[in-house]
Amino acid sequence: MDYLDPRKELEHRIILMVGYVCVAIAIVFATVILVYEAYGFGLGKNGTVIQNGLAFISSQPSPAQIYINGVLNKARTDARLVLPANTYQIRLARPGYHDWQRTIELQGGSVVHFDYPFLFPTKLTTTKLQSYSSAPGLVTQSPDRRWVVVQQPGSMTTFDLYDLKNPTKAPVDISLPANLLSAATGSESWQFGEWADDNLHVLLQHDYDGKTEFILLDRQNPDQSLNLNTTLSVTPTKLTLDNKKFDQYYLYDSTAGNLQTATLSTPSPVPVLEHVLSYQTYASDTILYATDTNAPAGKVFIKLDVGGQTYDIHTLTTSSDYLLDVTKYAGVLYVAAGSSSENKVYIYRDPVAQLAAAPTRAIVPSQVLHVENPNYLSFSSNAQFIVAEDGTRFGVYDIQNKVGFNYTASLGLDTPQQHASWMDGDRLSYVSGGKLVVFDYDDTNQQVLMPDNAAYTPIFAPDYKYVYGWAGTTTPSELDVTQTALLIPTDL
């Protein structure tokens, strides 16, 4: 039999060994290919090894055509594109809309997301919703963008409440209880404070006869609105919400520099910090503040208090105005600090972890924004970006992609605006030349929209299908509330 023949048995073993070796080579080769593909490697048309990147591109509205370096791609938004590492000119187009475009640098093995492109109509349709005989003293929009409170001209206690889910419906009158406000013998005005996270309560500041008091307006049950100075038996210089809760407060006395807390259930103030020059809070236990305690002459310390534990963040030159902000992005704490007397804003990533890892070393900023005499500092609504600004000069840091931008806007800001505001998580807006201007965070894709009034922050619908503005009329001092569609009629 063959298996008894030593020669044939040897040949059989050799064939098996060769087979095993071939299988092993195939496995190794396949593994290498998979590993290379996982890191974005592939083969070019001429057989050379290239490394790809992955780009996710979306748009509002969708779908939109995608042009890459001027060539129409077969994919439409929302799209997943595998492209060789390179620099690309991306353009999105849809009939009836202005193009959106920008240059992107795609690294091999990287994944980038462009889920924010917004296409604006080439022809805007604007309608009038309401008229006011004179300019309202206060206009504010809730955090969920559904509710808009407008002070009725000529009255300090009556407001119009608009529901942007039913924008064509007439506004509802809401009135503060009688005698809630302290009587004024001279001029008086409202200033916006902040909304609570329930979208029901808004904190307002009533200025009268050189004095200040704080009013908690309940838009749903206005008869339950409160004068917090009376309710808490306090006279703070500044009052802010604790963790955005309508019944929890920080009380600040600028003369003494004391910061206290109080609640509706336990109104007696509880001391928190002393010698505070300025502060910004986040969540329920985080306070970023400036203090001159033990600071060298002409300097102040920026400190972070987290749950009662204090951390040294930075030292700034003494100023009349300190720019402070703190938030979390992707679960990580970010702190920003600067002042109007310096030309820099420092941004720190997870300073608590940095100090825990090296307690004796100064923490290192992730980015320094260079803006001459900044007067405004704010994280975007999605916390990915932070802007520092002085008029038309902007500094922006992109936390996700770890890149900064410095630019001067081409259009000036109408008075009385002092700074732009975030339209959403990725775009800024302001009024210039009597019209609303919007642009991406990096000063690209600028669009000039409908007439608007610089005295009021632009109002966008919750789904961003409409923008609401204030337009003058042929009658002096009269203003119309307008609604402008951000979609063409067939897309609404």
Protein backbone atom coordinates (compact mmCIF):
# COMPACT_ATOMS: atom_id res chain seq x y z
CA MET A 1 0.00 0.00 0.00
CA ASP A 2 1.11 3.60 -0.75
CA TYR A 3 1.30 4.68 2.87
CA LEU A 4 3.82 1.86 3.46
CA ASP A 5 6.08 3.27 0.75
CA PRO A 6 8.62 5.55 2.55
CA ARG A 7 9.17 7.67 -0.57
CA LYS A 8 5.50 8.40 -1.07
CA GLU A 9 5.01 9.03 2.62
CA LEU A 10 7.81 11.64 2.48
CA GLU A 11 6.21 13.29 -0.56
CA HIS A 12 2.89 13.38 1.27
CA ARG A 13 4.48 15.08 4.29
CA ILE A 14 6.20 17.62 2.07
CA ILE A 15 2.92 18.46 0.35
CA LEU A 16 1.24 18.89 3.75
CA MET A 17 4.06 21.13 5.01
CA VAL A 18 3.92 23.25 1.86
CA GLY A 19 0.15 23.54 2.31
CA TYR A 20 0.53 24.58 5.93
CA VAL A 21 3.15 27.18 4.98
CA CYS A 22 0.90 28.57 2.23
CA VAL A 23 -2.06 28.78 4.62
CA ALA A 24 0.14 30.52 7.21
CA ILE A 25 1.39 33.00 4.62
CA ALA A 26 -2.18 33.67 3.51
CA ILE A 27 -3.26 34.25 7.11
CA VAL A 28 -0.35 36.60 7.77
CA PHE A 29 -0.98 38.45 4.51
CA ALA A 30 -4.69 38.79 5.26
CA THR A 31 -3.92 40.00 8.77
CA VAL A 32 -1.49 42.61 7.46
CA ILE A 33 -4.10 43.77 4.94
CA LEU A 34 -6.73 44.05 7.66
CA VAL A 35 -4.37 45.93 9.96
CA TYR A 36 -3.38 48.30 7.17
CA GLU A 37 -7.03 48.83 6.25
CA ALA A 38 -7.85 49.48 9.90
CA TYR A 39 -5.24 52.25 9.84
CA GLY A 40 -6.56 53.56 6.54
CA PHE A 41 -3.99 52.07 4.20
CA GLY A 42 -4.90 50.97 0.71
CA LEU A 43 -3.49 50.62 -2.79
CA GLY A 44 -3.49 53.45 -5.29
CA LYS A 45 -4.20 53.08 -8.99
CA ASN A 46 -0.49 52.66 -9.73
CA GLY A 47 -0.08 50.02 -7.01
CA THR A 48 1.50 52.34 -4.45
CA VAL A 49 0.47 52.13 -0.81
CA ILE A 50 -1.71 55.05 0.30
CA GLN A 51 -3.37 55.89 3.59
CA ASN A 52 -7.03 56.85 3.64
CA GLY A 53 -9.14 58.94 5.98
CA LEU A 54 -12.84 58.83 6.68
CA ALA A 55 -15.10 61.88 6.36
CA PHE A 56 -18.73 62.03 7.46
CA ILE A 57 -20.56 64.91 5.80
CA SER A 58 -24.11 65.99 6.64
CA SER A 59 -26.19 69.05 5.84
CA GLN A 60 -29.34 70.94 6.72
CA PRO A 61 -31.41 70.58 4.60
CA SER A 62 -30.52 67.18 3.20
CA PRO A 63 -29.73 65.69 0.73
CA ALA A 64 -27.20 68.02 -0.88
CA GLN A 65 -24.75 67.36 -3.69
CA ILE A 66 -21.10 66.93 -2.69
CA TYR A 67 -18.32 68.38 -4.83
CA ILE A 68 -14.74 67.35 -4.03
CA ASN A 69 -12.11 69.56 -5.64
CA GLY A 70 -14.78 70.72 -8.07
CA VAL A 71 -15.85 67.21 -9.10
CA LEU A 72 -19.36 65.99 -8.30
CA ASN A 73 -19.26 62.93 -6.06
CA LYS A 74 -21.83 60.17 -6.51
CA ALA A 75 -22.68 60.34 -2.80
CA ARG A 76 -25.13 62.85 -1.32
CA THR A 77 -25.44 64.10 2.22
CA ASP A 78 -25.60 62.49 4.65
CA ALA A 79 -22.52 60.65 3.37
CA ARG A 80 -19.58 58.52 4.49
CA LEU A 81 -16.54 59.14 2.29
CA VAL A 82 -13.26 57.21 2.26
CA LEU A 83 -10.59 59.48 0.77
CA PRO A 84 -6.79 59.31 0.48
CA ALA A 85 -4.97 61.54 2.94
CA ASN A 86 -4.81 64.96 1.33
CA THR A 87 -6.21 68.48 1.35
CA TYR A 88 -9.65 68.85 -0.24
CA GLN A 89 -11.99 71.60 -1.25
CA ILE A 90 -15.49 70.47 -0.22
CA ARG A 91 -18.59 72.15 -1.61
CA LEU A 92 -22.21 71.27 -0.81
CA ALA A 93 -24.97 72.39 -3.17
CA ARG A 94 -28.73 72.14 -3.28
CA PRO A 95 -31.11 73.97 -5.68
CA GLY A 96 -32.53 77.12 -4.11
CA TYR A 97 -29.73 77.47 -1.55
CA HIS A 98 -26.36 79.12 -1.25
CA ASP A 99 -23.44 76.69 -1.45
CA TRP A 100 -21.56 75.71 1.68
CA GLN A 101 -17.84 75.13 1.27
CA ARG A 102 -14.57 74.85 3.08
CA THR A 103 -11.12 73.36 2.74
CA ILE A 104 -10.40 70.29 4.83
CA GLU A 105 -7.14 68.50 5.56
CA LEU A 106 -7.74 64.78 5.90
CA GLN A 107 -5.05 62.84 7.72
CA GLY A 108 -4.41 59.18 7.00
CA GLY A 109 -6.26 56.93 9.43
CA SER A 110 -8.31 59.84 10.82
CA VAL A 111 -12.06 60.23 11.07
CA VAL A 112 -13.58 63.71 10.67
CA HIS A 113 -17.18 64.79 11.07
CA PHE A 114 -18.77 67.70 9.26
CA ASP A 115 -22.28 67.36 10.60
CA TYR A 116 -22.94 71.08 10.95
CA PRO A 117 -23.14 72.52 7.36
CA PHE A 118 -26.19 74.80 7.08
CA LEU A 119 -27.43 75.86 3.64
CA PHE A 120 -29.31 79.17 3.58
CA PRO A 121 -31.91 79.98 0.90
CA THR A 122 -30.81 82.24 -1.95
CA LYS A 123 -34.18 84.01 -1.70
CA LEU A 124 -35.59 84.75 1.73
CA THR A 125 -39.30 84.88 2.50
CA THR A 126 -40.19 87.20 5.39
CA THR A 127 -43.61 87.80 6.92
CA LYS A 128 -44.82 90.11 9.69
CA LEU A 129 -46.19 88.48 12.85
CA GLN A 130 -46.76 91.38 15.23
CA SER A 131 -46.28 95.13 15.54
CA TYR A 132 -45.16 97.22 18.51
CA SER A 133 -45.66 100.95 18.76
CA SER A 134 -42.20 101.34 20.28
CA ALA A 135 -39.17 99.23 21.04
CA PRO A 136 -39.65 96.67 23.85
CA GLY A 137 -37.26 97.03 26.76
CA LEU A 138 -36.64 93.28 27.10
CA VAL A 139 -36.70 90.28 24.76
CA THR A 140 -35.45 86.86 25.85
CA GLN A 141 -35.69 83.29 24.54
CA SER A 142 -35.82 80.11 26.64
CA PRO A 143 -32.99 77.54 26.47
CA ASP A 144 -35.16 75.09 24.49
CA ARG A 145 -35.81 77.96 22.03
CA ARG A 146 -39.55 77.44 22.21
CA TRP A 147 -40.60 80.40 24.36
CA VAL A 148 -39.96 84.10 23.84
CA VAL A 149 -40.80 86.70 26.49
CA VAL A 150 -41.22 90.31 25.30
CA GLN A 151 -41.83 93.26 27.59
CA GLN A 152 -44.83 95.21 26.39
CA PRO A 153 -43.76 98.82 25.65
CA GLY A 154 -45.00 101.28 28.24
CA SER A 155 -45.43 98.66 30.97
CA MET A 156 -42.93 97.28 33.48
CA THR A 157 -45.22 94.47 34.62
CA THR A 158 -46.79 93.08 31.43
CA PHE A 159 -45.14 90.77 28.93
CA ASP A 160 -46.02 88.96 25.71
CA LEU A 161 -45.29 85.24 25.62
CA TYR A 162 -44.66 83.71 22.18
CA ASP A 163 -44.73 79.96 21.51
CA LEU A 164 -42.44 79.25 18.56
CA LYS A 165 -44.08 75.88 18.02
CA ASN A 166 -47.16 77.93 17.08
CA PRO A 167 -45.53 81.12 15.78
CA THR A 168 -48.55 82.47 13.92
CA LYS A 169 -50.69 82.31 17.06
CA ALA A 170 -51.07 85.62 18.88
CA PRO A 171 -48.85 85.96 21.97
CA VAL A 172 -50.31 85.42 25.44
CA ASP A 173 -50.32 88.29 27.93
CA ILE A 174 -48.60 87.56 31.24
CA SER A 175 -48.53 90.03 34.11
CA LEU A 176 -46.53 90.24 37.30
CA PRO A 177 -48.50 90.40 40.57
CA ALA A 178 -49.39 93.85 41.83
CA ASN A 179 -46.78 95.44 44.13
CA LEU A 180 -44.17 92.77 43.26
CA LEU A 181 -41.78 95.47 42.08
CA SER A 182 -40.46 98.20 44.30
CA ALA A 183 -41.98 101.53 43.33
CA ALA A 184 -39.72 103.74 41.26
CA THR A 185 -39.74 107.53 41.46
CA GLY A 186 -37.44 107.93 38.47
CA SER A 187 -36.36 105.80 35.53
CA GLU A 188 -36.50 102.03 35.65
CA SER A 189 -35.58 99.20 33.29
CA TRP A 190 -35.21 95.44 32.93
CA GLN A 191 -32.06 93.44 32.36
CA PHE A 192 -32.04 89.78 31.44
CA GLY A 193 -30.42 87.43 33.94
CA GLU A 194 -30.81 83.79 32.96
CA TRP A 195 -33.36 81.06 32.37
CA ALA A 196 -33.76 78.07 34.64
CA ASP A 197 -33.31 74.65 33.04
CA ASP A 198 -37.06 73.96 33.37
CA ASN A 199 -37.77 76.58 30.65
CA LEU A 200 -40.51 77.91 32.94
CA HIS A 201 -38.68 80.43 35.10
CA VAL A 202 -36.58 83.37 34.02
CA LEU A 203 -34.44 85.48 36.34
CA LEU A 204 -34.69 89.22 35.63
CA GLN A 205 -32.96 92.25 37.09
CA HIS A 206 -35.10 95.31 37.85
CA ASP A 207 -33.05 98.52 37.95
CA TYR A 208 -34.79 101.54 39.50
CA ASP A 209 -33.69 104.82 41.12
CA GLY A 210 -30.07 103.62 41.19
CA LYS A 211 -31.06 100.40 42.96
CA THR A 212 -31.36 96.78 41.86
CA GLU A 213 -33.69 93.92 42.74
CA PHE A 214 -34.09 90.45 41.29
CA ILE A 215 -37.36 89.04 40.03
CA LEU A 216 -38.11 85.40 39.27
CA LEU A 217 -40.75 85.40 36.52
CA ASP A 218 -42.87 82.26 36.22
CA ARG A 219 -44.09 82.31 32.62
CA GLN A 220 -46.64 79.52 33.20
CA ASN A 221 -48.03 80.84 36.49
CA PRO A 222 -47.08 84.53 36.52
CA ASP A 223 -49.04 85.12 39.73
CA GLN A 224 -46.42 82.93 41.46
CA SER A 225 -43.52 85.14 40.35
CA LEU A 226 -41.24 86.25 43.18
CA ASN A 227 -39.26 89.27 44.27
CA LEU A 228 -36.17 87.39 45.45
CA ASN A 229 -34.83 90.35 47.41
CA THR A 230 -37.99 90.25 49.51
CA THR A 231 -38.37 86.47 49.62
CA LEU A 232 -34.78 85.86 50.71
CA SER A 233 -34.42 89.14 52.70
CA VAL A 234 -31.22 90.01 50.82
CA THR A 235 -29.84 92.90 48.76
CA PRO A 236 -27.09 91.32 46.62
CA THR A 237 -25.18 93.14 43.91
CA LYS A 238 -25.58 90.09 41.69
CA LEU A 239 -27.82 87.04 41.89
CA THR A 240 -27.43 83.95 39.71
CA LEU A 241 -29.01 80.52 39.57
CA ASP A 242 -27.25 77.58 41.19
CA ASN A 243 -27.03 74.70 38.70
CA LYS A 244 -29.72 76.43 36.58
CA LYS A 245 -32.35 75.53 39.20
CA PHE A 246 -35.07 78.13 39.70
CA ASP A 247 -35.12 77.71 43.50
CA GLN A 248 -31.35 77.73 44.20
CA TYR A 249 -29.16 80.85 44.10
CA TYR A 250 -25.72 82.38 44.39
CA LEU A 251 -25.73 85.77 46.12
CA TYR A 252 -22.80 88.10 45.45
CA ASP A 253 -21.88 91.31 47.26
CA SER A 254 -19.32 93.16 45.12
CA THR A 255 -18.41 95.61 47.91
CA ALA A 256 -17.54 92.94 50.47
CA GLY A 257 -16.51 90.37 47.84
CA ASN A 258 -18.61 87.70 49.54
CA LEU A 259 -20.31 84.86 47.69
CA GLN A 260 -23.17 83.02 49.40
CA THR A 261 -25.83 80.48 48.53
CA ALA A 262 -29.53 80.35 49.42
CA THR A 263 -32.62 78.41 48.37
CA LEU A 264 -36.33 79.00 48.54
CA SER A 265 -36.66 76.17 51.03
CA THR A 266 -33.76 77.43 53.21
CA PRO A 267 -33.53 81.16 52.52
CA SER A 268 -30.88 81.99 55.14
CA PRO A 269 -27.66 82.70 53.16
CA VAL A 270 -24.75 80.28 53.58
CA PRO A 271 -21.19 81.68 53.05
CA VAL A 272 -19.21 80.03 50.26
CA LEU A 273 -16.24 82.24 49.30
CA GLU A 274 -14.67 85.55 50.35
CA HIS A 275 -12.69 88.24 48.50
CA VAL A 276 -14.28 87.30 45.17
CA LEU A 277 -13.80 89.81 42.35
CA SER A 278 -15.72 87.87 39.68
CA TYR A 279 -17.13 84.37 39.36
CA GLN A 280 -18.70 81.81 37.04
CA THR A 281 -20.42 78.63 38.20
CA TYR A 282 -21.01 75.24 36.63
CA ALA A 283 -23.26 72.36 37.73
CA SER A 284 -23.89 72.18 41.48
CA ASP A 285 -20.38 72.26 42.93
CA THR A 286 -17.98 74.09 40.62
CA ILE A 287 -17.01 77.78 40.89
CA LEU A 288 -14.36 79.53 38.81
CA TYR A 289 -13.43 82.85 40.38
CA ALA A 290 -10.92 85.69 40.57
CA THR A 291 -9.51 86.79 43.93
CA ASP A 292 -6.81 89.16 45.15
CA THR A 293 -6.24 87.30 48.41
CA ASN A 294 -2.44 86.93 48.92
CA ALA A 295 -1.88 87.99 45.28
CA PRO A 296 1.13 90.20 44.40
CA ALA A 297 0.45 93.88 43.76
CA GLY A 298 -1.29 94.39 40.43
CA LYS A 299 -2.19 90.70 40.12
CA VAL A 300 -5.14 88.44 40.86
CA PHE A 301 -5.40 84.70 41.19
CA ILE A 302 -7.83 82.63 39.14
CA LYS A 303 -9.01 79.71 41.25
CA LEU A 304 -11.35 76.77 40.77
CA ASP A 305 -13.47 75.49 43.64
CA VAL A 306 -14.81 71.96 43.09
CA GLY A 307 -16.85 70.54 45.92
CA GLY A 308 -15.06 72.75 48.43
CA GLN A 309 -11.57 71.83 47.17
CA THR A 310 -9.67 74.83 45.75
CA TYR A 311 -7.22 74.65 42.83
CA ASP A 312 -4.89 77.38 41.51
CA ILE A 313 -5.48 77.93 37.80
CA HIS A 314 -3.71 81.09 36.65
CA THR A 315 -2.46 84.55 37.59
CA LEU A 316 -3.79 87.59 35.72
CA THR A 317 -3.08 91.30 35.70
CA THR A 318 -5.57 93.29 37.73
CA SER A 319 -8.46 94.44 35.55
CA SER A 320 -11.88 96.03 35.76
CA ASP A 321 -13.39 93.06 33.94
CA TYR A 322 -12.49 89.37 34.17
CA LEU A 323 -13.58 86.86 31.55
CA LEU A 324 -14.38 83.47 33.09
CA ASP A 325 -16.20 80.42 31.80
CA VAL A 326 -16.30 76.74 32.65
CA THR A 327 -18.09 73.74 31.15
CA LYS A 328 -17.70 70.09 30.25
CA TYR A 329 -17.15 68.65 26.79
CA ALA A 330 -17.34 64.88 26.27
CA GLY A 331 -17.33 64.51 30.05
CA VAL A 332 -14.10 66.50 30.54
CA LEU A 333 -13.96 69.81 32.41
CA TYR A 334 -12.67 72.85 30.50
CA VAL A 335 -11.83 76.19 32.08
CA ALA A 336 -11.27 79.50 30.29
CA ALA A 337 -9.91 82.66 31.91
CA GLY A 338 -8.73 86.06 30.72
CA SER A 339 -9.26 89.76 31.34
CA SER A 340 -9.97 92.93 29.40
CA SER A 341 -6.53 94.32 30.30
CA GLU A 342 -4.65 91.39 28.78
CA ASN A 343 -4.68 90.26 25.17
CA LYS A 344 -4.94 86.56 25.96
CA VAL A 345 -7.52 84.04 27.09
CA TYR A 346 -6.19 80.80 28.55
CA ILE A 347 -8.05 77.52 28.05
CA TYR A 348 -7.33 74.53 30.29
CA ARG A 349 -8.35 70.93 29.82
CA ASP A 350 -9.14 68.98 32.99
CA PRO A 351 -7.09 71.19 35.36
CA VAL A 352 -8.03 69.07 38.37
CA ALA A 353 -6.48 65.96 36.79
CA GLN A 354 -3.39 67.94 35.78
CA LEU A 355 -2.85 69.12 39.35
CA ALA A 356 -3.52 65.66 40.76
CA ALA A 357 -0.82 64.21 38.49
CA ALA A 358 1.72 66.95 39.29
CA PRO A 359 0.66 68.98 42.36
CA THR A 360 3.80 71.14 42.45
CA ARG A 361 3.74 72.13 38.79
CA ALA A 362 1.71 74.87 37.13
CA ILE A 363 -0.99 73.53 34.84
CA VAL A 364 -0.48 73.93 31.11
CA PRO A 365 -3.17 75.52 28.91
CA SER A 366 -4.49 73.57 25.95
CA GLN A 367 -4.79 76.78 23.95
CA VAL A 368 -4.19 80.50 24.31
CA LEU A 369 -6.51 82.76 22.32
CA HIS A 370 -4.92 86.06 21.32
CA VAL A 371 -7.54 88.80 21.16
CA GLU A 372 -6.79 92.44 21.88
CA ASN A 373 -8.76 93.68 24.90
CA PRO A 374 -11.43 90.95 24.81
CA ASN A 375 -14.82 91.88 26.26
CA TYR A 376 -16.70 88.60 25.75
CA LEU A 377 -16.09 84.92 26.41
CA SER A 378 -18.52 82.07 25.79
CA PHE A 379 -18.72 78.36 25.00
CA SER A 380 -21.03 77.37 22.16
CA SER A 381 -24.27 75.54 22.95
CA ASN A 382 -22.66 72.16 22.24
CA ALA A 383 -19.51 73.20 24.17
CA GLN A 384 -17.22 72.20 21.28
CA PHE A 385 -16.11 75.77 20.66
CA ILE A 386 -15.20 78.73 22.82
CA VAL A 387 -15.03 82.28 21.50
CA ALA A 388 -13.19 85.29 22.88
CA GLU A 389 -14.12 88.55 21.21
CA ASP A 390 -13.64 92.29 21.06
CA GLY A 391 -15.97 93.79 18.47
CA THR A 392 -14.93 92.37 15.10
CA ARG A 393 -11.83 90.59 16.46
CA PHE A 394 -12.41 86.92 17.24
CA GLY A 395 -10.44 84.07 18.74
CA VAL A 396 -12.05 80.61 18.61
CA TYR A 397 -10.83 77.26 19.91
CA ASP A 398 -12.20 73.95 18.58
CA ILE A 399 -11.94 71.54 21.51
CA GLN A 400 -12.72 68.40 19.51
CA ASN A 401 -10.13 68.99 16.79
CA LYS A 402 -7.68 70.89 19.03
CA VAL A 403 -7.23 73.83 16.67
CA GLY A 404 -7.56 77.58 17.16
CA PHE A 405 -8.67 80.37 14.84
CA ASN A 406 -8.00 84.11 14.93
CA TYR A 407 -9.72 86.47 12.54
CA THR A 408 -11.26 89.90 12.06
CA ALA A 409 -14.82 89.86 10.78
CA SER A 410 -15.37 91.76 7.54
CA LEU A 411 -18.60 93.43 8.69
CA GLY A 412 -18.87 95.69 11.72
CA LEU A 413 -21.30 95.30 14.60
CA ASP A 414 -24.20 97.73 14.83
CA THR A 415 -24.67 99.48 18.17
CA PRO A 416 -25.62 98.75 20.90
CA GLN A 417 -24.15 95.26 20.32
CA GLN A 418 -20.82 94.67 22.00
CA HIS A 419 -20.33 91.12 20.78
CA ALA A 420 -21.76 88.35 18.61
CA SER A 421 -23.86 85.48 19.95
CA TRP A 422 -23.94 81.79 19.17
CA MET A 423 -26.64 80.92 16.63
CA ASP A 424 -26.21 77.24 17.53
CA GLY A 425 -23.32 74.95 18.40
CA ASP A 426 -21.27 75.88 15.31
CA ARG A 427 -22.25 79.35 14.06
CA LEU A 428 -22.05 82.91 15.31
CA SER A 429 -24.40 85.76 14.48
CA TYR A 430 -24.76 89.52 14.91
CA VAL A 431 -26.46 92.47 13.25
CA SER A 432 -24.49 94.60 10.80
CA GLY A 433 -25.83 97.37 8.59
CA GLY A 434 -29.32 96.66 9.87
CA LYS A 435 -29.25 93.02 8.74
CA LEU A 436 -28.58 89.72 10.48
CA VAL A 437 -25.21 88.17 9.64
CA VAL A 438 -24.33 84.52 10.33
CA PHE A 439 -21.07 82.64 9.77
CA ASP A 440 -19.33 79.43 10.76
CA TYR A 441 -17.10 79.41 13.84
CA ASP A 442 -13.97 79.85 11.67
CA ASP A 443 -15.33 82.87 9.74
CA THR A 444 -16.36 80.86 6.66
CA ASN A 445 -19.70 80.67 4.84
CA GLN A 446 -20.88 84.12 5.84
CA GLN A 447 -24.49 84.93 4.94
CA VAL A 448 -26.36 88.23 5.21
CA LEU A 449 -30.01 87.58 5.98
CA MET A 450 -33.09 89.72 6.68
CA PRO A 451 -33.38 93.16 8.33
CA ASP A 452 -32.94 93.03 12.09
CA ASN A 453 -32.42 95.26 15.11
CA ALA A 454 -29.10 95.22 16.95
CA ALA A 455 -30.79 95.86 20.30
CA TYR A 456 -31.99 92.25 20.47
CA THR A 457 -30.29 88.86 20.30
CA PRO A 458 -31.38 86.94 17.16
CA ILE A 459 -34.13 84.38 17.79
CA PHE A 460 -34.09 81.02 16.00
CA ALA A 461 -36.86 78.42 16.05
CA PRO A 462 -36.16 75.15 17.91
CA ASP A 463 -35.75 73.29 14.58
CA TYR A 464 -33.98 76.24 12.90
CA LYS A 465 -36.57 76.35 10.13
CA TYR A 466 -37.25 80.01 10.92
CA VAL A 467 -35.47 83.03 12.32
CA TYR A 468 -37.31 85.88 14.03
CA GLY A 469 -36.21 89.48 13.91
CA TRP A 470 -37.23 93.07 14.46
CA ALA A 471 -37.78 95.34 11.48
CA GLY A 472 -38.45 99.05 11.42
CA THR A 473 -41.51 100.45 9.66
CA THR A 474 -42.41 103.72 7.95
CA THR A 475 -43.71 104.91 11.33
CA PRO A 476 -40.88 106.24 13.52
CA SER A 477 -40.06 104.08 16.58
CA GLU A 478 -42.48 101.32 15.49
CA LEU A 479 -41.11 97.78 15.19
CA ASP A 480 -42.48 94.66 13.52
CA VAL A 481 -41.79 91.12 14.69
CA THR A 482 -40.85 89.21 11.54
CA GLN A 483 -40.56 85.54 10.65
CA THR A 484 -38.07 84.52 7.96
CA ALA A 485 -37.99 81.00 6.56
CA LEU A 486 -34.59 79.27 6.47
CA LEU A 487 -35.95 76.68 4.04
CA ILE A 488 -37.40 77.20 0.57
CA PRO A 489 -41.20 76.65 0.36
CA THR A 490 -40.94 73.10 -1.03
CA ASP A 491 -38.77 72.05 1.94
CA LEU A 492 -40.97 73.48 4.69
